[in-house]
Every structure is written in C-alpha cells, then in structure tokens.
Amino acid sequence: MKNTKMKKRQALAIFVALAMMLSVIPVFLMGI
C-alpha cells in the first residue's frame, strides 16, 4: 500500500512540474 501511495505522489509531483514548465515556457518565449 505504501509503495503505491509513493508512486501516486511521485506521479503527481511530475505532473505538477510539467504543468509549471508548460505555463512558464510561453511567458519565457514572449519575453524574448
């Protein structure tokens, strides 16, 4: 049970990181 919980949390962290990257890239490009 603990392993699946950790995997879910890890997947969520990766998803959040990707979402932040996708939201930052357009702003970065427009800044240029």
Foldseek 3Di string as FASTA:
>chain_A
DVVVVVVVVVVVVVVVVVVVVVVVVVVVVVVD
